[in-house]
Amino acid sequence: MTPALAWLQLGGPAMLVLGLMSVALMTLGIIKAWEFSEQRLGSREFVDASLQAWSRGQGAQALAALQGSPSPLAAVLRDAVQVLQDAALSDSHARERIERRALEALAAARSHLRTLDLIGSLAPLVGLFGTVLGMIDAFQALQAAGDRVQPSILSGGIWQALLTTAVGLGIAIPTVALVSHFERRVEVFQQAMESALTRLLTTPRSRA
């Protein structure tokens, strides 16, 4: 029997749930790290060039400065410039569309974080639940032993029961740290997006 299967057997159903949680944690963590890396979430180098062109009334140059960047910030700014160049839209409608697009980009950046947060919250509880079930089994074995009680019966049952709590905490701790890291990156992205859009919207509309 492999060590992983032995642990599953010792921990019971709770350990199986924790195993699935650990797989989900690793999968979603890799997905978000790859996504932020591919999108270059922290890149800002295109903002000043685009806004400077926009302030000079050069809408086409402002869009050109945003082309080629995979950053969601560049996509939001690109859509905002295109909306502001649409003479058929009033200022209020243009702002509404820009705000909706910004919220969509923010929601996309936060995708999977709620699931990771849930794993971090539930893993210790699942581990504790497994420990309670294990303690029940240990005391049942102690009761069945009757007068032939041996300390090893109780101690062996207790360490097996505590195993799920340790695994649950082992999953929760890196999950909380990972969620905090990702949320900080999203927060920085949100601040940059709000700053760039505020600069864009307070600049006179380009007619180029």
N, C-alpha and C. Protein backbone atom coordinates (compact mmCIF):
# COMPACT_ATOMS: atom_id res chain seq x y z
N MET A 1 0.85 -1.20 0.00
CA MET A 1 0.00 0.00 0.00
C MET A 1 0.89 1.25 0.00
N THR A 2 0.58 2.18 -0.87
CA THR A 2 1.36 3.41 -0.96
C THR A 2 1.10 4.29 0.27
N PRO A 3 2.05 5.19 0.61
CA PRO A 3 1.84 6.08 1.76
C PRO A 3 0.57 6.91 1.65
N ALA A 4 0.25 7.37 0.44
CA ALA A 4 -0.95 8.19 0.26
C ALA A 4 -2.20 7.40 0.60
N LEU A 5 -2.27 6.14 0.11
CA LEU A 5 -3.42 5.31 0.41
C LEU A 5 -3.48 4.96 1.89
N ALA A 6 -2.31 4.78 2.52
CA ALA A 6 -2.29 4.49 3.95
C ALA A 6 -2.85 5.66 4.75
N TRP A 7 -2.49 6.87 4.35
CA TRP A 7 -3.01 8.05 5.04
C TRP A 7 -4.52 8.17 4.85
N LEU A 8 -4.98 7.89 3.65
CA LEU A 8 -6.42 7.94 3.40
C LEU A 8 -7.16 6.93 4.28
N GLN A 9 -6.56 5.77 4.42
CA GLN A 9 -7.20 4.75 5.24
C GLN A 9 -7.23 5.16 6.71
N LEU A 10 -6.14 5.74 7.19
CA LEU A 10 -6.08 6.17 8.58
C LEU A 10 -7.04 7.32 8.86
N GLY A 11 -7.15 8.25 7.92
CA GLY A 11 -7.98 9.43 8.14
C GLY A 11 -9.43 9.24 7.82
N GLY A 12 -9.77 8.20 7.08
CA GLY A 12 -11.17 7.95 6.76
C GLY A 12 -11.73 8.91 5.73
N PRO A 13 -13.05 9.06 5.70
CA PRO A 13 -13.70 9.93 4.69
C PRO A 13 -13.21 11.37 4.73
N ALA A 14 -12.93 11.88 5.93
CA ALA A 14 -12.46 13.27 6.03
C ALA A 14 -11.14 13.45 5.29
N MET A 15 -10.27 12.45 5.36
CA MET A 15 -8.99 12.56 4.67
C MET A 15 -9.18 12.55 3.15
N LEU A 16 -10.18 11.82 2.69
CA LEU A 16 -10.46 11.82 1.26
C LEU A 16 -10.91 13.20 0.80
N VAL A 17 -11.78 13.83 1.59
CA VAL A 17 -12.22 15.19 1.27
C VAL A 17 -11.04 16.16 1.28
N LEU A 18 -10.18 16.02 2.28
CA LEU A 18 -9.01 16.89 2.36
C LEU A 18 -8.07 16.66 1.18
N GLY A 19 -7.97 15.42 0.73
CA GLY A 19 -7.15 15.13 -0.44
C GLY A 19 -7.67 15.84 -1.68
N LEU A 20 -8.99 15.82 -1.84
CA LEU A 20 -9.60 16.52 -2.98
C LEU A 20 -9.39 18.03 -2.86
N MET A 21 -9.46 18.53 -1.63
CA MET A 21 -9.23 19.96 -1.42
C MET A 21 -7.80 20.35 -1.79
N SER A 22 -6.84 19.49 -1.43
CA SER A 22 -5.44 19.80 -1.74
C SER A 22 -5.21 19.80 -3.25
N VAL A 23 -5.86 18.89 -3.96
CA VAL A 23 -5.75 18.86 -5.42
C VAL A 23 -6.34 20.14 -6.02
N ALA A 24 -7.52 20.55 -5.51
CA ALA A 24 -8.16 21.77 -5.99
C ALA A 24 -7.29 22.99 -5.70
N LEU A 25 -6.67 23.01 -4.51
CA LEU A 25 -5.78 24.12 -4.15
C LEU A 25 -4.62 24.23 -5.13
N MET A 26 -3.95 23.14 -5.39
CA MET A 26 -2.80 23.18 -6.30
C MET A 26 -3.22 23.56 -7.71
N THR A 27 -4.36 23.01 -8.16
CA THR A 27 -4.82 23.29 -9.52
C THR A 27 -5.18 24.76 -9.70
N LEU A 28 -6.00 25.29 -8.77
CA LEU A 28 -6.43 26.69 -8.89
C LEU A 28 -5.27 27.64 -8.65
N GLY A 29 -4.36 27.28 -7.76
CA GLY A 29 -3.20 28.14 -7.52
C GLY A 29 -2.34 28.25 -8.76
N ILE A 30 -2.11 27.14 -9.43
CA ILE A 30 -1.32 27.16 -10.66
C ILE A 30 -2.04 27.95 -11.75
N ILE A 31 -3.35 27.76 -11.86
CA ILE A 31 -4.13 28.47 -12.88
C ILE A 31 -4.03 29.98 -12.68
N LYS A 32 -4.23 30.45 -11.43
CA LYS A 32 -4.20 31.89 -11.17
C LYS A 32 -2.80 32.46 -11.37
N ALA A 33 -1.78 31.73 -10.92
CA ALA A 33 -0.41 32.22 -11.10
C ALA A 33 -0.07 32.32 -12.58
N TRP A 34 -0.45 31.32 -13.36
CA TRP A 34 -0.21 31.34 -14.81
C TRP A 34 -1.00 32.47 -15.46
N GLU A 35 -2.24 32.64 -15.04
CA GLU A 35 -3.09 33.68 -15.62
C GLU A 35 -2.52 35.06 -15.38
N PHE A 36 -2.13 35.35 -14.14
CA PHE A 36 -1.57 36.67 -13.83
C PHE A 36 -0.25 36.89 -14.56
N SER A 37 0.53 35.82 -14.71
CA SER A 37 1.80 35.95 -15.42
C SER A 37 1.57 36.20 -16.91
N GLU A 38 0.68 35.44 -17.52
CA GLU A 38 0.41 35.60 -18.95
C GLU A 38 -0.21 36.96 -19.25
N GLN A 39 -1.06 37.44 -18.37
CA GLN A 39 -1.72 38.73 -18.59
C GLN A 39 -0.85 39.91 -18.19
N ARG A 40 0.28 39.63 -17.54
CA ARG A 40 1.16 40.69 -17.06
C ARG A 40 0.34 41.70 -16.27
N LEU A 41 -0.30 41.19 -15.24
CA LEU A 41 -1.25 42.00 -14.47
C LEU A 41 -0.61 43.25 -13.89
N GLY A 42 0.66 43.20 -13.60
CA GLY A 42 1.31 44.36 -12.98
C GLY A 42 1.89 45.36 -13.95
N SER A 43 1.78 45.12 -15.25
CA SER A 43 2.40 46.03 -16.23
C SER A 43 1.62 47.33 -16.33
N ARG A 44 2.36 48.45 -16.41
CA ARG A 44 1.75 49.79 -16.47
C ARG A 44 2.42 50.67 -17.53
N GLU A 45 3.41 50.15 -18.23
CA GLU A 45 4.25 50.99 -19.07
C GLU A 45 3.49 51.68 -20.21
N PHE A 46 2.35 51.13 -20.58
CA PHE A 46 1.58 51.68 -21.71
C PHE A 46 0.65 52.81 -21.29
N VAL A 47 0.43 52.99 -20.00
CA VAL A 47 -0.58 53.94 -19.54
C VAL A 47 -0.21 55.37 -19.90
N ASP A 48 0.99 55.80 -19.53
CA ASP A 48 1.38 57.19 -19.77
C ASP A 48 1.41 57.53 -21.26
N ALA A 49 1.95 56.62 -22.06
CA ALA A 49 2.02 56.88 -23.50
C ALA A 49 0.63 57.05 -24.09
N SER A 50 -0.28 56.20 -23.69
CA SER A 50 -1.64 56.27 -24.21
C SER A 50 -2.36 57.54 -23.76
N LEU A 51 -2.23 57.87 -22.49
CA LEU A 51 -2.94 59.05 -21.97
C LEU A 51 -2.33 60.35 -22.50
N GLN A 52 -1.04 60.34 -22.74
CA GLN A 52 -0.43 61.54 -23.33
C GLN A 52 -0.92 61.76 -24.75
N ALA A 53 -1.02 60.69 -25.52
CA ALA A 53 -1.55 60.80 -26.88
C ALA A 53 -3.00 61.26 -26.84
N TRP A 54 -3.77 60.74 -25.89
CA TRP A 54 -5.17 61.13 -25.77
C TRP A 54 -5.30 62.60 -25.42
N SER A 55 -4.44 63.09 -24.53
CA SER A 55 -4.51 64.49 -24.12
C SER A 55 -4.18 65.43 -25.28
N ARG A 56 -3.43 64.92 -26.26
CA ARG A 56 -3.12 65.72 -27.44
C ARG A 56 -4.17 65.59 -28.53
N GLY A 57 -5.23 64.85 -28.24
CA GLY A 57 -6.29 64.67 -29.22
C GLY A 57 -5.97 63.63 -30.26
N GLN A 58 -5.03 62.73 -29.97
CA GLN A 58 -4.62 61.71 -30.92
C GLN A 58 -5.19 60.35 -30.48
N GLY A 59 -6.44 60.14 -30.83
CA GLY A 59 -7.11 58.92 -30.42
C GLY A 59 -6.49 57.67 -31.00
N ALA A 60 -6.11 57.74 -32.28
CA ALA A 60 -5.51 56.57 -32.92
C ALA A 60 -4.18 56.19 -32.27
N GLN A 61 -3.37 57.19 -31.92
CA GLN A 61 -2.10 56.92 -31.26
C GLN A 61 -2.32 56.38 -29.86
N ALA A 62 -3.37 56.87 -29.20
CA ALA A 62 -3.69 56.37 -27.86
C ALA A 62 -4.04 54.89 -27.91
N LEU A 63 -4.79 54.49 -28.94
CA LEU A 63 -5.14 53.07 -29.11
C LEU A 63 -3.91 52.25 -29.49
N ALA A 64 -3.05 52.83 -30.34
CA ALA A 64 -1.86 52.11 -30.79
C ALA A 64 -0.93 51.79 -29.62
N ALA A 65 -0.87 52.70 -28.63
CA ALA A 65 -0.01 52.47 -27.47
C ALA A 65 -0.50 51.32 -26.61
N LEU A 66 -1.78 50.96 -26.77
CA LEU A 66 -2.37 49.89 -25.96
C LEU A 66 -2.38 48.56 -26.69
N GLN A 67 -2.11 48.58 -27.99
CA GLN A 67 -2.14 47.35 -28.77
C GLN A 67 -0.97 46.44 -28.40
N GLY A 68 -1.23 45.17 -28.44
CA GLY A 68 -0.18 44.19 -28.21
C GLY A 68 0.04 43.81 -26.76
N SER A 69 -0.56 44.54 -25.83
CA SER A 69 -0.39 44.19 -24.41
C SER A 69 -1.50 43.24 -23.98
N PRO A 70 -1.15 42.13 -23.31
CA PRO A 70 -2.18 41.20 -22.84
C PRO A 70 -2.82 41.63 -21.53
N SER A 71 -2.36 42.76 -20.98
CA SER A 71 -2.86 43.21 -19.69
C SER A 71 -4.35 43.57 -19.76
N PRO A 72 -5.14 43.15 -18.76
CA PRO A 72 -6.54 43.57 -18.72
C PRO A 72 -6.69 45.08 -18.55
N LEU A 73 -5.69 45.73 -17.96
CA LEU A 73 -5.73 47.18 -17.85
C LEU A 73 -5.67 47.82 -19.23
N ALA A 74 -4.82 47.29 -20.10
CA ALA A 74 -4.73 47.80 -21.47
C ALA A 74 -6.05 47.58 -22.20
N ALA A 75 -6.69 46.43 -21.97
CA ALA A 75 -7.96 46.14 -22.63
C ALA A 75 -9.04 47.10 -22.17
N VAL A 76 -9.07 47.39 -20.87
CA VAL A 76 -10.07 48.32 -20.33
C VAL A 76 -9.85 49.72 -20.90
N LEU A 77 -8.60 50.17 -20.92
CA LEU A 77 -8.31 51.49 -21.47
C LEU A 77 -8.63 51.56 -22.96
N ARG A 78 -8.33 50.49 -23.68
CA ARG A 78 -8.62 50.45 -25.11
C ARG A 78 -10.12 50.58 -25.36
N ASP A 79 -10.91 49.83 -24.60
CA ASP A 79 -12.37 49.94 -24.75
C ASP A 79 -12.86 51.32 -24.36
N ALA A 80 -12.26 51.90 -23.32
CA ALA A 80 -12.68 53.23 -22.86
C ALA A 80 -12.40 54.28 -23.92
N VAL A 81 -11.24 54.22 -24.55
CA VAL A 81 -10.91 55.18 -25.61
C VAL A 81 -11.88 55.04 -26.77
N GLN A 82 -12.17 53.80 -27.14
CA GLN A 82 -13.11 53.58 -28.25
C GLN A 82 -14.51 54.10 -27.91
N VAL A 83 -14.92 53.91 -26.68
CA VAL A 83 -16.24 54.40 -26.26
C VAL A 83 -16.27 55.92 -26.29
N LEU A 84 -15.23 56.55 -25.79
CA LEU A 84 -15.19 58.00 -25.75
C LEU A 84 -15.12 58.62 -27.14
N GLN A 85 -14.64 57.86 -28.11
CA GLN A 85 -14.58 58.36 -29.48
C GLN A 85 -15.90 58.20 -30.22
N ASP A 86 -16.83 57.48 -29.62
CA ASP A 86 -18.13 57.27 -30.25
C ASP A 86 -19.01 58.50 -30.01
N ALA A 87 -19.16 59.30 -31.04
CA ALA A 87 -19.93 60.54 -30.91
C ALA A 87 -21.41 60.29 -30.65
N ALA A 88 -21.89 59.08 -30.93
CA ALA A 88 -23.31 58.78 -30.72
C ALA A 88 -23.65 58.57 -29.25
N LEU A 89 -22.65 58.41 -28.41
CA LEU A 89 -22.88 58.16 -26.99
C LEU A 89 -22.77 59.46 -26.20
N SER A 90 -23.70 59.66 -25.29
CA SER A 90 -23.60 60.80 -24.39
C SER A 90 -22.54 60.50 -23.33
N ASP A 91 -22.14 61.54 -22.60
CA ASP A 91 -21.11 61.36 -21.58
C ASP A 91 -21.56 60.35 -20.53
N SER A 92 -22.83 60.43 -20.13
CA SER A 92 -23.32 59.52 -19.09
C SER A 92 -23.33 58.08 -19.57
N HIS A 93 -23.76 57.86 -20.82
CA HIS A 93 -23.76 56.50 -21.37
C HIS A 93 -22.34 55.97 -21.55
N ALA A 94 -21.44 56.85 -21.98
CA ALA A 94 -20.05 56.44 -22.15
C ALA A 94 -19.44 56.02 -20.82
N ARG A 95 -19.68 56.81 -19.79
CA ARG A 95 -19.15 56.48 -18.47
C ARG A 95 -19.75 55.18 -17.93
N GLU A 96 -21.04 54.98 -18.22
CA GLU A 96 -21.69 53.76 -17.76
C GLU A 96 -21.07 52.53 -18.41
N ARG A 97 -20.80 52.60 -19.71
CA ARG A 97 -20.20 51.46 -20.41
C ARG A 97 -18.77 51.22 -19.94
N ILE A 98 -18.04 52.29 -19.69
CA ILE A 98 -16.66 52.15 -19.21
C ILE A 98 -16.65 51.52 -17.81
N GLU A 99 -17.55 51.97 -16.97
CA GLU A 99 -17.62 51.40 -15.62
C GLU A 99 -17.99 49.93 -15.66
N ARG A 100 -18.93 49.57 -16.53
CA ARG A 100 -19.32 48.16 -16.64
C ARG A 100 -18.15 47.30 -17.12
N ARG A 101 -17.40 47.81 -18.07
CA ARG A 101 -16.26 47.06 -18.58
C ARG A 101 -15.18 46.91 -17.50
N ALA A 102 -14.98 47.94 -16.70
CA ALA A 102 -13.99 47.87 -15.63
C ALA A 102 -14.41 46.84 -14.57
N LEU A 103 -15.69 46.81 -14.25
CA LEU A 103 -16.18 45.83 -13.28
C LEU A 103 -16.03 44.40 -13.80
N GLU A 104 -16.24 44.22 -15.10
CA GLU A 104 -16.06 42.89 -15.69
C GLU A 104 -14.60 42.44 -15.61
N ALA A 105 -13.68 43.37 -15.88
CA ALA A 105 -12.26 43.04 -15.79
C ALA A 105 -11.86 42.71 -14.36
N LEU A 106 -12.43 43.44 -13.41
CA LEU A 106 -12.12 43.18 -12.00
C LEU A 106 -12.67 41.83 -11.56
N ALA A 107 -13.88 41.52 -12.01
CA ALA A 107 -14.47 40.22 -11.67
C ALA A 107 -13.67 39.07 -12.25
N ALA A 108 -13.16 39.26 -13.48
CA ALA A 108 -12.34 38.22 -14.11
C ALA A 108 -11.03 38.02 -13.35
N ALA A 109 -10.44 39.12 -12.87
CA ALA A 109 -9.19 39.01 -12.11
C ALA A 109 -9.42 38.28 -10.79
N ARG A 110 -10.61 38.39 -10.25
CA ARG A 110 -10.93 37.75 -8.96
C ARG A 110 -11.47 36.33 -9.11
N SER A 111 -11.57 35.85 -10.33
CA SER A 111 -12.12 34.51 -10.53
C SER A 111 -11.29 33.46 -9.79
N HIS A 112 -11.96 32.48 -9.24
CA HIS A 112 -11.37 31.36 -8.48
C HIS A 112 -10.91 31.75 -7.08
N LEU A 113 -10.81 33.04 -6.77
CA LEU A 113 -10.34 33.42 -5.44
C LEU A 113 -11.36 33.07 -4.37
N ARG A 114 -12.65 33.14 -4.72
CA ARG A 114 -13.69 32.77 -3.75
C ARG A 114 -13.59 31.28 -3.41
N THR A 115 -13.30 30.46 -4.43
CA THR A 115 -13.15 29.03 -4.20
C THR A 115 -11.95 28.74 -3.32
N LEU A 116 -10.84 29.40 -3.60
CA LEU A 116 -9.65 29.22 -2.77
C LEU A 116 -9.90 29.66 -1.33
N ASP A 117 -10.61 30.76 -1.17
CA ASP A 117 -10.94 31.24 0.17
C ASP A 117 -11.82 30.24 0.90
N LEU A 118 -12.74 29.62 0.17
CA LEU A 118 -13.61 28.61 0.77
C LEU A 118 -12.80 27.39 1.22
N ILE A 119 -11.83 26.99 0.40
CA ILE A 119 -10.97 25.86 0.79
C ILE A 119 -10.20 26.19 2.07
N GLY A 120 -9.68 27.40 2.14
CA GLY A 120 -8.94 27.80 3.33
C GLY A 120 -9.80 27.83 4.58
N SER A 121 -11.08 28.14 4.41
CA SER A 121 -11.98 28.20 5.56
C SER A 121 -12.48 26.82 5.98
N LEU A 122 -12.74 25.96 4.99
CA LEU A 122 -13.34 24.66 5.29
C LEU A 122 -12.33 23.59 5.67
N ALA A 123 -11.11 23.68 5.18
CA ALA A 123 -10.13 22.62 5.44
C ALA A 123 -9.93 22.34 6.93
N PRO A 124 -9.75 23.37 7.79
CA PRO A 124 -9.60 23.07 9.22
C PRO A 124 -10.85 22.43 9.82
N LEU A 125 -12.02 22.85 9.35
CA LEU A 125 -13.26 22.29 9.88
C LEU A 125 -13.42 20.83 9.48
N VAL A 126 -13.08 20.53 8.23
CA VAL A 126 -13.13 19.13 7.79
C VAL A 126 -12.13 18.29 8.58
N GLY A 127 -10.94 18.85 8.81
CA GLY A 127 -9.95 18.14 9.60
C GLY A 127 -10.42 17.90 11.02
N LEU A 128 -11.05 18.90 11.62
CA LEU A 128 -11.58 18.75 12.97
C LEU A 128 -12.70 17.72 13.01
N PHE A 129 -13.54 17.72 11.99
CA PHE A 129 -14.63 16.74 11.90
C PHE A 129 -14.05 15.32 11.84
N GLY A 130 -12.99 15.16 11.04
CA GLY A 130 -12.34 13.86 10.96
C GLY A 130 -11.75 13.45 12.30
N THR A 131 -11.20 14.42 13.03
CA THR A 131 -10.64 14.11 14.35
C THR A 131 -11.73 13.67 15.32
N VAL A 132 -12.86 14.33 15.29
CA VAL A 132 -13.98 13.94 16.17
C VAL A 132 -14.43 12.52 15.85
N LEU A 133 -14.56 12.21 14.56
CA LEU A 133 -14.95 10.86 14.18
C LEU A 133 -13.90 9.84 14.64
N GLY A 134 -12.62 10.21 14.50
CA GLY A 134 -11.56 9.31 14.92
C GLY A 134 -11.56 9.10 16.43
N MET A 135 -11.83 10.15 17.19
CA MET A 135 -11.89 10.02 18.64
C MET A 135 -13.06 9.12 19.06
N ILE A 136 -14.15 9.23 18.35
CA ILE A 136 -15.29 8.35 18.64
C ILE A 136 -14.90 6.90 18.44
N ASP A 137 -14.22 6.63 17.32
CA ASP A 137 -13.76 5.26 17.06
C ASP A 137 -12.79 4.78 18.13
N ALA A 138 -11.89 5.70 18.56
CA ALA A 138 -10.89 5.31 19.56
C ALA A 138 -11.56 4.95 20.89
N PHE A 139 -12.54 5.71 21.31
CA PHE A 139 -13.20 5.42 22.58
C PHE A 139 -14.12 4.20 22.47
N GLN A 140 -14.65 3.97 21.28
CA GLN A 140 -15.42 2.74 21.09
C GLN A 140 -14.52 1.52 21.22
N ALA A 141 -13.31 1.62 20.65
CA ALA A 141 -12.36 0.51 20.78
C ALA A 141 -11.94 0.34 22.24
N LEU A 142 -11.80 1.44 22.96
CA LEU A 142 -11.45 1.38 24.37
C LEU A 142 -12.54 0.70 25.19
N GLN A 143 -13.79 1.05 24.84
CA GLN A 143 -14.91 0.44 25.55
C GLN A 143 -15.01 -1.05 25.24
N ALA A 144 -14.78 -1.42 23.98
CA ALA A 144 -14.85 -2.83 23.60
C ALA A 144 -13.75 -3.66 24.26
N ALA A 145 -12.63 -3.01 24.60
CA ALA A 145 -11.54 -3.76 25.24
C ALA A 145 -11.88 -4.18 26.65
N GLY A 146 -12.81 -3.46 27.27
CA GLY A 146 -13.25 -3.84 28.62
C GLY A 146 -12.12 -3.78 29.62
N ASP A 147 -11.93 -4.88 30.36
CA ASP A 147 -10.89 -4.94 31.39
C ASP A 147 -9.49 -5.08 30.81
N ARG A 148 -9.40 -5.37 29.51
CA ARG A 148 -8.10 -5.58 28.88
C ARG A 148 -7.60 -4.28 28.21
N VAL A 149 -7.90 -3.17 28.83
CA VAL A 149 -7.52 -1.88 28.27
C VAL A 149 -6.01 -1.72 28.27
N GLN A 150 -5.50 -1.29 27.14
CA GLN A 150 -4.07 -1.00 27.00
C GLN A 150 -3.90 0.44 26.54
N PRO A 151 -2.93 1.16 27.11
CA PRO A 151 -2.72 2.56 26.71
C PRO A 151 -2.50 2.72 25.21
N SER A 152 -1.89 1.70 24.58
CA SER A 152 -1.60 1.80 23.16
C SER A 152 -2.87 1.89 22.33
N ILE A 153 -3.96 1.30 22.83
CA ILE A 153 -5.23 1.35 22.09
C ILE A 153 -5.71 2.79 21.99
N LEU A 154 -5.66 3.49 23.12
CA LEU A 154 -6.14 4.87 23.14
C LEU A 154 -5.17 5.82 22.43
N SER A 155 -3.88 5.67 22.72
CA SER A 155 -2.91 6.58 22.12
C SER A 155 -2.85 6.41 20.60
N GLY A 156 -2.92 5.14 20.14
CA GLY A 156 -2.92 4.91 18.69
C GLY A 156 -4.13 5.51 18.03
N GLY A 157 -5.30 5.39 18.67
CA GLY A 157 -6.51 5.98 18.09
C GLY A 157 -6.47 7.49 18.08
N ILE A 158 -5.85 8.08 19.13
CA ILE A 158 -5.81 9.54 19.22
C ILE A 158 -4.91 10.12 18.13
N TRP A 159 -3.71 9.57 17.93
CA TRP A 159 -2.83 10.16 16.91
C TRP A 159 -3.39 9.99 15.52
N GLN A 160 -4.10 8.89 15.28
CA GLN A 160 -4.73 8.71 13.99
C GLN A 160 -5.85 9.74 13.80
N ALA A 161 -6.58 10.02 14.88
CA ALA A 161 -7.67 10.99 14.80
C ALA A 161 -7.13 12.40 14.56
N LEU A 162 -6.02 12.73 15.22
CA LEU A 162 -5.45 14.07 15.07
C LEU A 162 -4.81 14.29 13.71
N LEU A 163 -4.59 13.22 12.98
CA LEU A 163 -3.97 13.32 11.68
C LEU A 163 -4.77 14.21 10.73
N THR A 164 -6.08 14.10 10.74
CA THR A 164 -6.91 14.90 9.83
C THR A 164 -6.86 16.38 10.19
N THR A 165 -6.78 16.69 11.49
CA THR A 165 -6.65 18.09 11.89
C THR A 165 -5.34 18.69 11.38
N ALA A 166 -4.27 17.91 11.51
CA ALA A 166 -2.97 18.39 11.03
C ALA A 166 -2.99 18.62 9.52
N VAL A 167 -3.59 17.69 8.78
CA VAL A 167 -3.66 17.84 7.33
C VAL A 167 -4.55 19.03 6.96
N GLY A 168 -5.67 19.19 7.68
CA GLY A 168 -6.55 20.32 7.41
C GLY A 168 -5.85 21.65 7.60
N LEU A 169 -5.07 21.77 8.68
CA LEU A 169 -4.31 22.99 8.91
C LEU A 169 -3.20 23.15 7.88
N GLY A 170 -2.60 22.03 7.48
CA GLY A 170 -1.57 22.08 6.46
C GLY A 170 -2.08 22.56 5.12
N ILE A 171 -3.35 22.33 4.84
CA ILE A 171 -3.96 22.84 3.61
C ILE A 171 -4.38 24.29 3.78
N ALA A 172 -4.94 24.62 4.93
CA ALA A 172 -5.49 25.96 5.14
C ALA A 172 -4.41 27.04 5.16
N ILE A 173 -3.28 26.76 5.80
CA ILE A 173 -2.25 27.80 5.96
C ILE A 173 -1.72 28.30 4.62
N PRO A 174 -1.26 27.42 3.72
CA PRO A 174 -0.80 27.94 2.42
C PRO A 174 -1.92 28.53 1.58
N THR A 175 -3.15 28.02 1.77
CA THR A 175 -4.27 28.56 1.02
C THR A 175 -4.54 30.01 1.40
N VAL A 176 -4.56 30.29 2.70
CA VAL A 176 -4.78 31.66 3.17
C VAL A 176 -3.68 32.59 2.67
N ALA A 177 -2.44 32.11 2.73
CA ALA A 177 -1.32 32.93 2.24
C ALA A 177 -1.44 33.19 0.74
N LEU A 178 -1.85 32.18 -0.01
CA LEU A 178 -1.99 32.32 -1.45
C LEU A 178 -3.11 33.28 -1.81
N VAL A 179 -4.24 33.15 -1.13
CA VAL A 179 -5.37 34.05 -1.38
C VAL A 179 -4.98 35.49 -1.06
N SER A 180 -4.27 35.68 0.04
CA SER A 180 -3.83 37.03 0.41
C SER A 180 -2.93 37.63 -0.66
N HIS A 181 -2.03 36.81 -1.20
CA HIS A 181 -1.12 37.28 -2.26
C HIS A 181 -1.89 37.66 -3.51
N PHE A 182 -2.80 36.79 -3.93
CA PHE A 182 -3.58 37.07 -5.14
C PHE A 182 -4.49 38.29 -4.95
N GLU A 183 -5.10 38.40 -3.79
CA GLU A 183 -5.99 39.53 -3.55
C GLU A 183 -5.22 40.85 -3.54
N ARG A 184 -4.00 40.80 -3.05
CA ARG A 184 -3.17 42.01 -3.07
C ARG A 184 -2.86 42.43 -4.50
N ARG A 185 -2.56 41.45 -5.36
CA ARG A 185 -2.28 41.76 -6.76
C ARG A 185 -3.52 42.33 -7.44
N VAL A 186 -4.68 41.78 -7.13
CA VAL A 186 -5.92 42.30 -7.70
C VAL A 186 -6.20 43.71 -7.19
N GLU A 187 -5.90 43.94 -5.91
CA GLU A 187 -6.11 45.28 -5.34
C GLU A 187 -5.22 46.31 -6.02
N VAL A 188 -3.97 45.96 -6.27
CA VAL A 188 -3.06 46.87 -6.97
C VAL A 188 -3.56 47.12 -8.39
N PHE A 189 -4.04 46.07 -9.05
CA PHE A 189 -4.60 46.23 -10.40
C PHE A 189 -5.80 47.16 -10.38
N GLN A 190 -6.68 46.98 -9.39
CA GLN A 190 -7.87 47.83 -9.29
C GLN A 190 -7.48 49.30 -9.09
N GLN A 191 -6.52 49.55 -8.23
CA GLN A 191 -6.09 50.92 -7.99
C GLN A 191 -5.50 51.55 -9.25
N ALA A 192 -4.70 50.77 -9.98
CA ALA A 192 -4.11 51.27 -11.22
C ALA A 192 -5.19 51.55 -12.26
N MET A 193 -6.19 50.67 -12.34
CA MET A 193 -7.27 50.85 -13.31
C MET A 193 -8.10 52.08 -12.98
N GLU A 194 -8.42 52.26 -11.71
CA GLU A 194 -9.21 53.43 -11.31
C GLU A 194 -8.44 54.72 -11.58
N SER A 195 -7.14 54.70 -11.30
CA SER A 195 -6.33 55.90 -11.54
C SER A 195 -6.25 56.23 -13.02
N ALA A 196 -6.03 55.21 -13.85
CA ALA A 196 -5.91 55.44 -15.30
C ALA A 196 -7.23 55.92 -15.89
N LEU A 197 -8.33 55.33 -15.48
CA LEU A 197 -9.63 55.73 -16.02
C LEU A 197 -10.01 57.13 -15.55
N THR A 198 -9.64 57.48 -14.32
CA THR A 198 -9.92 58.82 -13.84
C THR A 198 -9.15 59.85 -14.66
N ARG A 199 -7.89 59.56 -14.95
CA ARG A 199 -7.09 60.46 -15.79
C ARG A 199 -7.68 60.57 -17.19
N LEU A 200 -8.14 59.46 -17.71
CA LEU A 200 -8.72 59.45 -19.06
C LEU A 200 -10.00 60.27 -19.11
N LEU A 201 -10.86 60.05 -18.13
CA LEU A 201 -12.18 60.69 -18.15
C LEU A 201 -12.14 62.17 -17.79
N THR A 202 -11.08 62.60 -17.14
CA THR A 202 -10.97 64.03 -16.80
C THR A 202 -10.21 64.81 -17.86
N THR A 203 -9.81 64.11 -18.93
CA THR A 203 -9.16 64.77 -20.06
C THR A 203 -10.22 65.07 -21.13
N PRO A 204 -10.21 66.22 -21.75
CA PRO A 204 -11.20 66.53 -22.79
C PRO A 204 -11.24 65.45 -23.86
N ARG A 205 -12.43 65.14 -24.34
CA ARG A 205 -12.62 64.08 -25.32
C ARG A 205 -11.87 64.37 -26.61
N SER A 206 -11.16 63.32 -27.06
CA SER A 206 -10.43 63.47 -28.32
C SER A 206 -11.39 63.45 -29.50
N ARG A 207 -11.12 64.27 -30.50
CA ARG A 207 -11.94 64.29 -31.71
C ARG A 207 -11.12 63.85 -32.92
N ALA A 208 -9.95 63.30 -32.66
CA ALA A 208 -9.07 62.90 -33.77
C ALA A 208 -9.62 61.72 -34.50
